[in-house]
N, C-alpha and C. Protein backbone atom coordinates (compact mmCIF):
# COMPACT_ATOMS: atom_id res chain seq x y z
N MET A 1 -170.73 -67.89 188.86
CA MET A 1 -169.71 -66.86 188.74
C MET A 1 -169.45 -66.61 187.25
N PRO A 2 -169.52 -65.36 186.82
CA PRO A 2 -169.26 -65.04 185.42
C PRO A 2 -167.84 -65.45 185.03
N GLY A 3 -167.72 -66.05 183.86
CA GLY A 3 -166.41 -66.44 183.36
C GLY A 3 -165.88 -67.76 183.89
N ALA A 4 -166.57 -68.34 184.90
CA ALA A 4 -166.12 -69.62 185.46
C ALA A 4 -166.52 -70.75 184.51
N PRO A 5 -165.72 -71.79 184.42
CA PRO A 5 -166.09 -72.90 183.53
C PRO A 5 -167.37 -73.58 184.03
N LYS A 6 -168.18 -74.04 183.08
CA LYS A 6 -169.42 -74.72 183.43
C LYS A 6 -169.09 -76.12 183.94
N LEU A 7 -169.67 -76.47 185.06
CA LEU A 7 -169.49 -77.80 185.62
C LEU A 7 -170.51 -78.75 185.01
N SER A 8 -170.08 -79.92 184.60
CA SER A 8 -170.97 -80.85 183.90
C SER A 8 -172.08 -81.40 184.78
N HIS A 9 -171.90 -81.38 186.09
CA HIS A 9 -172.91 -81.92 187.00
C HIS A 9 -173.88 -80.85 187.53
N ILE A 10 -173.80 -79.63 186.99
CA ILE A 10 -174.69 -78.55 187.40
C ILE A 10 -175.47 -78.09 186.16
N ASN A 11 -176.80 -78.06 186.26
CA ASN A 11 -177.59 -77.64 185.11
C ASN A 11 -177.76 -76.13 185.07
N GLU A 12 -178.52 -75.65 184.09
CA GLU A 12 -178.70 -74.20 183.92
C GLU A 12 -179.41 -73.54 185.10
N ASN A 13 -180.08 -74.33 185.95
CA ASN A 13 -180.75 -73.81 187.14
C ASN A 13 -179.90 -74.00 188.41
N ASN A 14 -178.60 -74.30 188.23
CA ASN A 14 -177.67 -74.53 189.33
C ASN A 14 -178.08 -75.71 190.21
N ARG A 15 -178.72 -76.71 189.61
CA ARG A 15 -179.12 -77.93 190.34
C ARG A 15 -178.21 -79.07 189.90
N ALA A 16 -177.90 -79.92 190.84
CA ALA A 16 -177.07 -81.09 190.53
C ALA A 16 -177.84 -82.00 189.57
N GLN A 17 -177.10 -82.57 188.64
CA GLN A 17 -177.71 -83.47 187.67
C GLN A 17 -176.72 -84.57 187.30
N MET A 18 -177.25 -85.69 186.87
CA MET A 18 -176.41 -86.75 186.34
C MET A 18 -176.07 -86.38 184.89
N VAL A 19 -174.82 -86.50 184.51
CA VAL A 19 -174.39 -86.17 183.16
C VAL A 19 -174.96 -87.20 182.19
N ASP A 20 -175.45 -86.73 181.07
CA ASP A 20 -175.97 -87.63 180.03
C ASP A 20 -174.78 -88.09 179.18
N VAL A 21 -174.47 -89.38 179.24
CA VAL A 21 -173.33 -89.92 178.50
C VAL A 21 -173.77 -90.74 177.29
N ALA A 22 -175.05 -90.66 176.94
CA ALA A 22 -175.59 -91.49 175.86
C ALA A 22 -174.85 -91.31 174.54
N ALA A 23 -174.39 -90.11 174.24
CA ALA A 23 -173.73 -89.85 172.97
C ALA A 23 -172.24 -90.21 172.97
N LYS A 24 -171.70 -90.53 174.12
CA LYS A 24 -170.27 -90.87 174.20
C LYS A 24 -170.04 -92.28 173.65
N PRO A 25 -168.89 -92.49 173.05
CA PRO A 25 -168.59 -93.84 172.55
C PRO A 25 -168.21 -94.79 173.70
N VAL A 26 -168.52 -96.04 173.52
CA VAL A 26 -168.11 -97.08 174.47
C VAL A 26 -166.65 -97.39 174.17
N THR A 27 -165.78 -97.20 175.17
CA THR A 27 -164.35 -97.45 174.99
C THR A 27 -163.80 -98.14 176.23
N PRO A 28 -162.66 -98.82 176.10
CA PRO A 28 -162.02 -99.40 177.28
C PRO A 28 -161.53 -98.29 178.20
N ARG A 29 -161.76 -98.44 179.49
CA ARG A 29 -161.37 -97.44 180.48
C ARG A 29 -160.67 -98.14 181.63
N THR A 30 -159.64 -97.50 182.16
CA THR A 30 -158.90 -98.02 183.31
C THR A 30 -158.58 -96.86 184.24
N ALA A 31 -158.66 -97.12 185.54
CA ALA A 31 -158.24 -96.12 186.53
C ALA A 31 -157.51 -96.84 187.65
N VAL A 32 -156.46 -96.19 188.15
CA VAL A 32 -155.69 -96.71 189.27
C VAL A 32 -155.66 -95.65 190.36
N ALA A 33 -156.02 -96.04 191.58
CA ALA A 33 -156.01 -95.12 192.72
C ALA A 33 -155.18 -95.74 193.83
N GLU A 34 -154.74 -94.90 194.76
CA GLU A 34 -153.98 -95.41 195.90
C GLU A 34 -154.45 -94.75 197.18
N ALA A 35 -154.12 -95.40 198.28
CA ALA A 35 -154.36 -94.87 199.62
C ALA A 35 -153.31 -95.49 200.53
N PHE A 36 -153.08 -94.84 201.68
CA PHE A 36 -152.11 -95.34 202.66
C PHE A 36 -152.76 -95.39 204.03
N VAL A 37 -152.42 -96.41 204.80
CA VAL A 37 -152.85 -96.49 206.20
C VAL A 37 -151.59 -96.58 207.04
N GLN A 38 -151.36 -95.56 207.85
CA GLN A 38 -150.22 -95.54 208.77
C GLN A 38 -150.62 -96.31 210.02
N ILE A 39 -149.81 -97.28 210.42
CA ILE A 39 -150.16 -98.14 211.55
C ILE A 39 -149.00 -98.21 212.54
N SER A 40 -149.30 -98.70 213.73
CA SER A 40 -148.28 -98.86 214.77
C SER A 40 -147.40 -100.07 214.47
N PRO A 41 -146.21 -100.11 215.07
CA PRO A 41 -145.37 -101.29 214.92
C PRO A 41 -146.07 -102.56 215.44
N GLU A 42 -146.87 -102.41 216.49
CA GLU A 42 -147.59 -103.57 217.05
C GLU A 42 -148.58 -104.14 216.04
N LEU A 43 -149.31 -103.25 215.38
CA LEU A 43 -150.27 -103.72 214.38
C LEU A 43 -149.56 -104.29 213.17
N ALA A 44 -148.47 -103.66 212.75
CA ALA A 44 -147.70 -104.18 211.62
C ALA A 44 -147.21 -105.59 211.91
N SER A 45 -146.75 -105.82 213.12
CA SER A 45 -146.28 -107.15 213.51
C SER A 45 -147.43 -108.16 213.52
N ALA A 46 -148.56 -107.75 214.05
CA ALA A 46 -149.73 -108.65 214.10
C ALA A 46 -150.22 -108.99 212.70
N ILE A 47 -150.20 -108.02 211.80
CA ILE A 47 -150.62 -108.27 210.42
C ILE A 47 -149.65 -109.22 209.74
N SER A 48 -148.37 -108.97 209.89
CA SER A 48 -147.36 -109.81 209.22
C SER A 48 -147.37 -111.25 209.73
N GLN A 49 -147.80 -111.43 210.98
CA GLN A 49 -147.89 -112.77 211.56
C GLN A 49 -149.30 -113.35 211.47
N ASN A 50 -150.22 -112.60 210.86
CA ASN A 50 -151.63 -112.99 210.73
C ASN A 50 -152.22 -113.35 212.10
N LYS A 51 -152.02 -112.45 213.07
CA LYS A 51 -152.50 -112.67 214.43
C LYS A 51 -153.52 -111.61 214.85
N ILE A 52 -154.47 -111.34 213.98
CA ILE A 52 -155.54 -110.40 214.29
C ILE A 52 -156.79 -111.22 214.61
N ALA A 53 -157.44 -110.90 215.71
CA ALA A 53 -158.60 -111.67 216.16
C ALA A 53 -159.71 -111.72 215.10
N LYS A 54 -159.88 -110.64 214.34
CA LYS A 54 -160.96 -110.60 213.35
C LYS A 54 -160.61 -111.34 212.06
N GLY A 55 -159.38 -111.78 211.90
CA GLY A 55 -158.99 -112.52 210.69
C GLY A 55 -157.91 -111.79 209.91
N ASN A 56 -157.68 -112.26 208.70
CA ASN A 56 -156.64 -111.72 207.84
C ASN A 56 -157.06 -110.34 207.32
N ILE A 57 -156.40 -109.31 207.80
CA ILE A 57 -156.77 -107.93 207.46
C ILE A 57 -156.60 -107.65 205.97
N LEU A 58 -155.49 -108.03 205.41
CA LEU A 58 -155.22 -107.68 204.02
C LEU A 58 -156.17 -108.39 203.06
N ASP A 59 -156.45 -109.66 203.29
CA ASP A 59 -157.40 -110.38 202.44
C ASP A 59 -158.80 -109.80 202.56
N THR A 60 -159.21 -109.47 203.77
CA THR A 60 -160.55 -108.91 203.98
C THR A 60 -160.66 -107.53 203.36
N ALA A 61 -159.63 -106.71 203.50
CA ALA A 61 -159.64 -105.38 202.91
C ALA A 61 -159.69 -105.46 201.38
N ARG A 62 -159.01 -106.42 200.81
CA ARG A 62 -159.04 -106.62 199.35
C ARG A 62 -160.47 -106.91 198.90
N LEU A 63 -161.13 -107.84 199.59
CA LEU A 63 -162.51 -108.17 199.23
C LEU A 63 -163.45 -106.99 199.43
N ALA A 64 -163.27 -106.25 200.51
CA ALA A 64 -164.11 -105.08 200.77
C ALA A 64 -163.94 -104.03 199.67
N GLY A 65 -162.71 -103.82 199.22
CA GLY A 65 -162.46 -102.86 198.15
C GLY A 65 -163.13 -103.27 196.85
N ILE A 66 -163.05 -104.55 196.52
CA ILE A 66 -163.71 -105.04 195.31
C ILE A 66 -165.22 -104.85 195.41
N GLN A 67 -165.77 -105.23 196.54
CA GLN A 67 -167.21 -105.08 196.75
C GLN A 67 -167.63 -103.60 196.65
N ALA A 68 -166.84 -102.72 197.22
CA ALA A 68 -167.14 -101.29 197.19
C ALA A 68 -167.13 -100.75 195.76
N ALA A 69 -166.15 -101.15 194.97
CA ALA A 69 -166.08 -100.69 193.58
C ALA A 69 -167.35 -101.06 192.83
N LYS A 70 -167.86 -102.24 193.09
CA LYS A 70 -169.07 -102.72 192.42
C LYS A 70 -170.32 -101.95 192.85
N ARG A 71 -170.24 -101.24 193.97
CA ARG A 71 -171.41 -100.52 194.48
C ARG A 71 -171.22 -99.01 194.50
N THR A 72 -170.24 -98.51 193.78
CA THR A 72 -169.93 -97.08 193.80
C THR A 72 -171.15 -96.24 193.44
N ASP A 73 -171.91 -96.66 192.45
CA ASP A 73 -173.08 -95.87 192.03
C ASP A 73 -174.13 -95.75 193.14
N GLU A 74 -174.11 -96.67 194.10
CA GLU A 74 -175.05 -96.60 195.23
C GLU A 74 -174.53 -95.68 196.34
N LEU A 75 -173.24 -95.42 196.35
CA LEU A 75 -172.61 -94.64 197.40
C LEU A 75 -172.39 -93.18 197.04
N ILE A 76 -172.09 -92.90 195.79
CA ILE A 76 -171.73 -91.56 195.34
C ILE A 76 -172.86 -91.02 194.47
N PRO A 77 -173.52 -89.95 194.91
CA PRO A 77 -174.60 -89.39 194.09
C PRO A 77 -174.09 -89.00 192.71
N LEU A 78 -174.88 -89.22 191.71
CA LEU A 78 -174.64 -88.84 190.32
C LEU A 78 -173.65 -89.74 189.58
N CYS A 79 -173.11 -90.76 190.23
CA CYS A 79 -172.24 -91.71 189.53
C CYS A 79 -173.10 -92.64 188.68
N HIS A 80 -172.58 -92.96 187.51
CA HIS A 80 -173.27 -93.91 186.64
C HIS A 80 -173.01 -95.33 187.10
N SER A 81 -173.96 -96.20 186.84
CA SER A 81 -173.74 -97.63 187.06
C SER A 81 -172.86 -98.13 185.93
N LEU A 82 -171.81 -98.83 186.28
CA LEU A 82 -170.89 -99.32 185.26
C LEU A 82 -170.77 -100.84 185.29
N PRO A 83 -170.72 -101.45 184.12
CA PRO A 83 -170.44 -102.88 184.07
C PRO A 83 -168.93 -103.09 184.18
N LEU A 84 -168.44 -103.30 185.38
CA LEU A 84 -167.00 -103.44 185.59
C LEU A 84 -166.48 -104.72 184.94
N ASP A 85 -165.37 -104.59 184.23
CA ASP A 85 -164.70 -105.76 183.65
C ASP A 85 -163.82 -106.43 184.69
N SER A 86 -163.17 -105.60 185.53
CA SER A 86 -162.33 -106.17 186.59
C SER A 86 -162.01 -105.10 187.63
N VAL A 87 -161.72 -105.58 188.83
CA VAL A 87 -161.23 -104.75 189.91
C VAL A 87 -160.12 -105.53 190.59
N ASP A 88 -158.98 -104.90 190.76
CA ASP A 88 -157.85 -105.55 191.41
C ASP A 88 -157.36 -104.64 192.53
N ILE A 89 -157.16 -105.22 193.70
CA ILE A 89 -156.66 -104.46 194.85
C ILE A 89 -155.36 -105.10 195.30
N ASP A 90 -154.32 -104.27 195.40
CA ASP A 90 -153.02 -104.74 195.88
C ASP A 90 -152.74 -104.04 197.21
N LEU A 91 -152.48 -104.82 198.24
CA LEU A 91 -152.16 -104.26 199.56
C LEU A 91 -150.77 -104.75 199.96
N VAL A 92 -149.90 -103.79 200.29
CA VAL A 92 -148.52 -104.13 200.64
C VAL A 92 -148.19 -103.49 201.99
N LEU A 93 -147.73 -104.31 202.91
CA LEU A 93 -147.25 -103.82 204.21
C LEU A 93 -145.82 -103.33 204.01
N GLU A 94 -145.62 -102.02 204.18
CA GLU A 94 -144.31 -101.39 204.00
C GLU A 94 -143.90 -100.77 205.32
N GLY A 95 -143.26 -101.54 206.18
CA GLY A 95 -142.88 -101.04 207.50
C GLY A 95 -144.12 -100.79 208.33
N ASN A 96 -144.34 -99.53 208.70
CA ASN A 96 -145.50 -99.17 209.52
C ASN A 96 -146.61 -98.52 208.71
N LYS A 97 -146.71 -98.88 207.45
CA LYS A 97 -147.82 -98.40 206.64
C LYS A 97 -148.24 -99.48 205.65
N ILE A 98 -149.48 -99.38 205.25
CA ILE A 98 -150.01 -100.28 204.23
C ILE A 98 -150.33 -99.43 203.01
N ARG A 99 -149.77 -99.81 201.88
CA ARG A 99 -150.04 -99.13 200.62
C ARG A 99 -151.12 -99.92 199.90
N ILE A 100 -152.18 -99.23 199.53
CA ILE A 100 -153.30 -99.84 198.82
C ILE A 100 -153.32 -99.28 197.40
N THR A 101 -153.34 -100.16 196.42
CA THR A 101 -153.47 -99.75 195.02
C THR A 101 -154.68 -100.47 194.45
N ALA A 102 -155.62 -99.69 193.93
CA ALA A 102 -156.85 -100.25 193.37
C ALA A 102 -156.92 -99.93 191.88
N THR A 103 -157.17 -100.95 191.08
CA THR A 103 -157.30 -100.79 189.64
C THR A 103 -158.68 -101.24 189.22
N ALA A 104 -159.39 -100.38 188.51
CA ALA A 104 -160.72 -100.71 188.00
C ALA A 104 -160.70 -100.61 186.47
N ARG A 105 -161.38 -101.55 185.82
CA ARG A 105 -161.45 -101.55 184.35
C ARG A 105 -162.91 -101.75 183.93
N ALA A 106 -163.27 -101.05 182.86
CA ALA A 106 -164.60 -101.22 182.28
C ALA A 106 -164.54 -100.84 180.81
N THR A 107 -165.45 -101.38 180.05
CA THR A 107 -165.67 -100.95 178.68
C THR A 107 -167.01 -100.24 178.73
N ALA A 108 -166.96 -98.90 178.68
CA ALA A 108 -168.16 -98.13 178.98
C ALA A 108 -168.09 -96.75 178.34
N ARG A 109 -169.14 -95.95 178.60
CA ARG A 109 -169.23 -94.58 178.09
C ARG A 109 -168.64 -93.55 179.05
N THR A 110 -168.32 -93.97 180.24
CA THR A 110 -167.77 -93.05 181.23
C THR A 110 -166.68 -93.75 182.02
N GLY A 111 -165.85 -92.95 182.69
CA GLY A 111 -164.66 -93.48 183.34
C GLY A 111 -164.91 -94.23 184.63
N VAL A 112 -163.86 -94.89 185.11
CA VAL A 112 -163.93 -95.72 186.32
C VAL A 112 -163.08 -95.15 187.46
N GLU A 113 -162.82 -93.84 187.40
CA GLU A 113 -162.03 -93.21 188.46
C GLU A 113 -162.69 -93.36 189.82
N MET A 114 -163.98 -93.10 189.89
CA MET A 114 -164.67 -93.16 191.18
C MET A 114 -164.68 -94.57 191.73
N GLU A 115 -164.77 -95.58 190.87
CA GLU A 115 -164.74 -96.96 191.33
C GLU A 115 -163.38 -97.31 191.93
N ALA A 116 -162.30 -96.87 191.29
CA ALA A 116 -160.96 -97.13 191.83
C ALA A 116 -160.74 -96.38 193.15
N LEU A 117 -161.17 -95.12 193.21
CA LEU A 117 -161.02 -94.34 194.44
C LEU A 117 -161.87 -94.91 195.57
N THR A 118 -163.07 -95.35 195.26
CA THR A 118 -163.94 -95.95 196.28
C THR A 118 -163.34 -97.25 196.79
N ALA A 119 -162.81 -98.05 195.89
CA ALA A 119 -162.19 -99.32 196.29
C ALA A 119 -161.02 -99.08 197.25
N ALA A 120 -160.15 -98.13 196.92
CA ALA A 120 -159.00 -97.84 197.79
C ALA A 120 -159.46 -97.31 199.14
N SER A 121 -160.46 -96.44 199.13
CA SER A 121 -160.97 -95.84 200.37
C SER A 121 -161.58 -96.88 201.30
N ILE A 122 -162.41 -97.74 200.75
CA ILE A 122 -163.09 -98.75 201.58
C ILE A 122 -162.11 -99.81 202.05
N ALA A 123 -161.11 -100.15 201.25
CA ALA A 123 -160.08 -101.07 201.71
C ALA A 123 -159.36 -100.47 202.92
N ALA A 124 -159.05 -99.16 202.86
CA ALA A 124 -158.39 -98.48 203.98
C ALA A 124 -159.28 -98.47 205.22
N LEU A 125 -160.55 -98.19 205.05
CA LEU A 125 -161.47 -98.18 206.19
C LEU A 125 -161.63 -99.57 206.80
N THR A 126 -161.56 -100.59 205.98
CA THR A 126 -161.64 -101.96 206.48
C THR A 126 -160.42 -102.30 207.33
N ILE A 127 -159.26 -101.85 206.89
CA ILE A 127 -158.04 -102.04 207.69
C ILE A 127 -158.21 -101.37 209.04
N TYR A 128 -158.73 -100.14 209.03
CA TYR A 128 -158.95 -99.44 210.30
C TYR A 128 -159.91 -100.23 211.18
N ASP A 129 -161.02 -100.66 210.62
CA ASP A 129 -162.02 -101.38 211.40
C ASP A 129 -161.44 -102.65 212.03
N MET A 130 -160.69 -103.40 211.26
CA MET A 130 -160.18 -104.67 211.75
C MET A 130 -158.99 -104.52 212.69
N GLY A 131 -158.25 -103.41 212.57
CA GLY A 131 -157.06 -103.23 213.39
C GLY A 131 -157.23 -102.32 214.59
N LYS A 132 -158.41 -101.72 214.74
CA LYS A 132 -158.58 -100.71 215.79
C LYS A 132 -158.45 -101.27 217.20
N ALA A 133 -158.64 -102.56 217.40
CA ALA A 133 -158.45 -103.14 218.73
C ALA A 133 -156.99 -103.09 219.15
N VAL A 134 -156.08 -103.05 218.17
CA VAL A 134 -154.65 -102.99 218.45
C VAL A 134 -154.14 -101.55 218.35
N ASP A 135 -154.70 -100.76 217.41
CA ASP A 135 -154.16 -99.43 217.13
C ASP A 135 -155.28 -98.47 216.73
N ARG A 136 -155.76 -97.68 217.68
CA ARG A 136 -156.80 -96.68 217.37
C ARG A 136 -156.21 -95.40 216.78
N ALA A 137 -154.91 -95.27 216.75
CA ALA A 137 -154.28 -94.06 216.24
C ALA A 137 -153.92 -94.15 214.75
N MET A 138 -154.39 -95.18 214.07
CA MET A 138 -154.12 -95.31 212.64
C MET A 138 -154.59 -94.06 211.90
N THR A 139 -153.91 -93.74 210.81
CA THR A 139 -154.35 -92.65 209.95
C THR A 139 -154.44 -93.13 208.51
N ILE A 140 -155.44 -92.64 207.83
CA ILE A 140 -155.64 -92.91 206.41
C ILE A 140 -155.27 -91.64 205.66
N SER A 141 -154.45 -91.78 204.63
CA SER A 141 -154.01 -90.58 203.90
C SER A 141 -153.72 -90.91 202.45
N GLY A 142 -153.47 -89.86 201.70
CA GLY A 142 -152.97 -90.00 200.33
C GLY A 142 -153.92 -90.66 199.36
N ILE A 143 -155.22 -90.56 199.60
CA ILE A 143 -156.17 -91.13 198.64
C ILE A 143 -156.15 -90.25 197.40
N ARG A 144 -155.76 -90.86 196.27
CA ARG A 144 -155.68 -90.08 195.04
C ARG A 144 -155.72 -90.96 193.82
N LEU A 145 -156.04 -90.34 192.70
CA LEU A 145 -156.02 -91.01 191.41
C LEU A 145 -154.59 -91.00 190.90
N LEU A 146 -154.07 -92.16 190.54
CA LEU A 146 -152.72 -92.24 189.98
C LEU A 146 -152.74 -92.13 188.46
N THR A 147 -153.60 -92.92 187.82
CA THR A 147 -153.70 -92.89 186.36
C THR A 147 -155.12 -93.17 185.93
N LYS A 148 -155.41 -92.73 184.71
CA LYS A 148 -156.67 -93.06 184.07
C LYS A 148 -156.42 -93.10 182.58
N THR A 149 -157.03 -94.06 181.92
CA THR A 149 -156.92 -94.18 180.48
C THR A 149 -158.30 -94.34 179.87
N GLY A 150 -158.40 -93.93 178.61
CA GLY A 150 -159.66 -94.06 177.88
C GLY A 150 -160.49 -92.80 177.98
N GLY A 151 -161.44 -92.70 177.09
CA GLY A 151 -162.36 -91.58 177.12
C GLY A 151 -161.92 -90.44 176.21
N THR A 152 -162.81 -89.48 176.06
CA THR A 152 -162.57 -88.39 175.11
C THR A 152 -161.60 -87.33 175.65
N ARG A 153 -161.45 -87.24 176.96
CA ARG A 153 -160.53 -86.25 177.52
C ARG A 153 -159.10 -86.77 177.63
N GLY A 154 -158.89 -88.00 177.23
CA GLY A 154 -157.54 -88.53 177.19
C GLY A 154 -157.05 -89.11 178.50
N ASP A 155 -155.81 -89.52 178.48
CA ASP A 155 -155.20 -90.18 179.63
C ASP A 155 -154.74 -89.16 180.65
N TYR A 156 -154.58 -89.64 181.88
CA TYR A 156 -154.09 -88.81 182.99
C TYR A 156 -153.10 -89.64 183.79
N SER A 157 -152.04 -88.99 184.24
CA SER A 157 -151.07 -89.62 185.12
C SER A 157 -150.65 -88.59 186.17
N ALA A 158 -150.77 -88.96 187.45
CA ALA A 158 -150.36 -88.05 188.53
C ALA A 158 -148.86 -87.85 188.48
N SER A 159 -148.44 -86.68 188.90
CA SER A 159 -146.99 -86.41 188.90
C SER A 159 -146.36 -87.03 190.12
């Protein structure tokens, strides 16, 4: 479209491409993402009492999120492989919902937003998988980037 901004992942032939980050400086980068899983009172009770047949949902979801962040480049086309410095997943049962906060850190040439978002998403899907025997009506929502720091485009904070 004439006058539209050029997308970095589209080349002059309108083909998807991986962005060349070789000239970018290596800097500390951090991204924080969140997601929510709305659950039934029955599942909330079972989680709080650790009475799920498949095991501890929150601990397993935390590990799944960390594992997912480490494999983001295998899941999302055109993502760069990043040497992650750390990934932290916080899961909090708040009444009938679980709030997931994923933080990814790297010292690299490109950001870790996709790693944080992937971690939050996979943690939410793991909760669904482990809790579906009790509650098939769960919903996953609100997956979004909360903050990002580092890089040439500067910091970002969701409103």
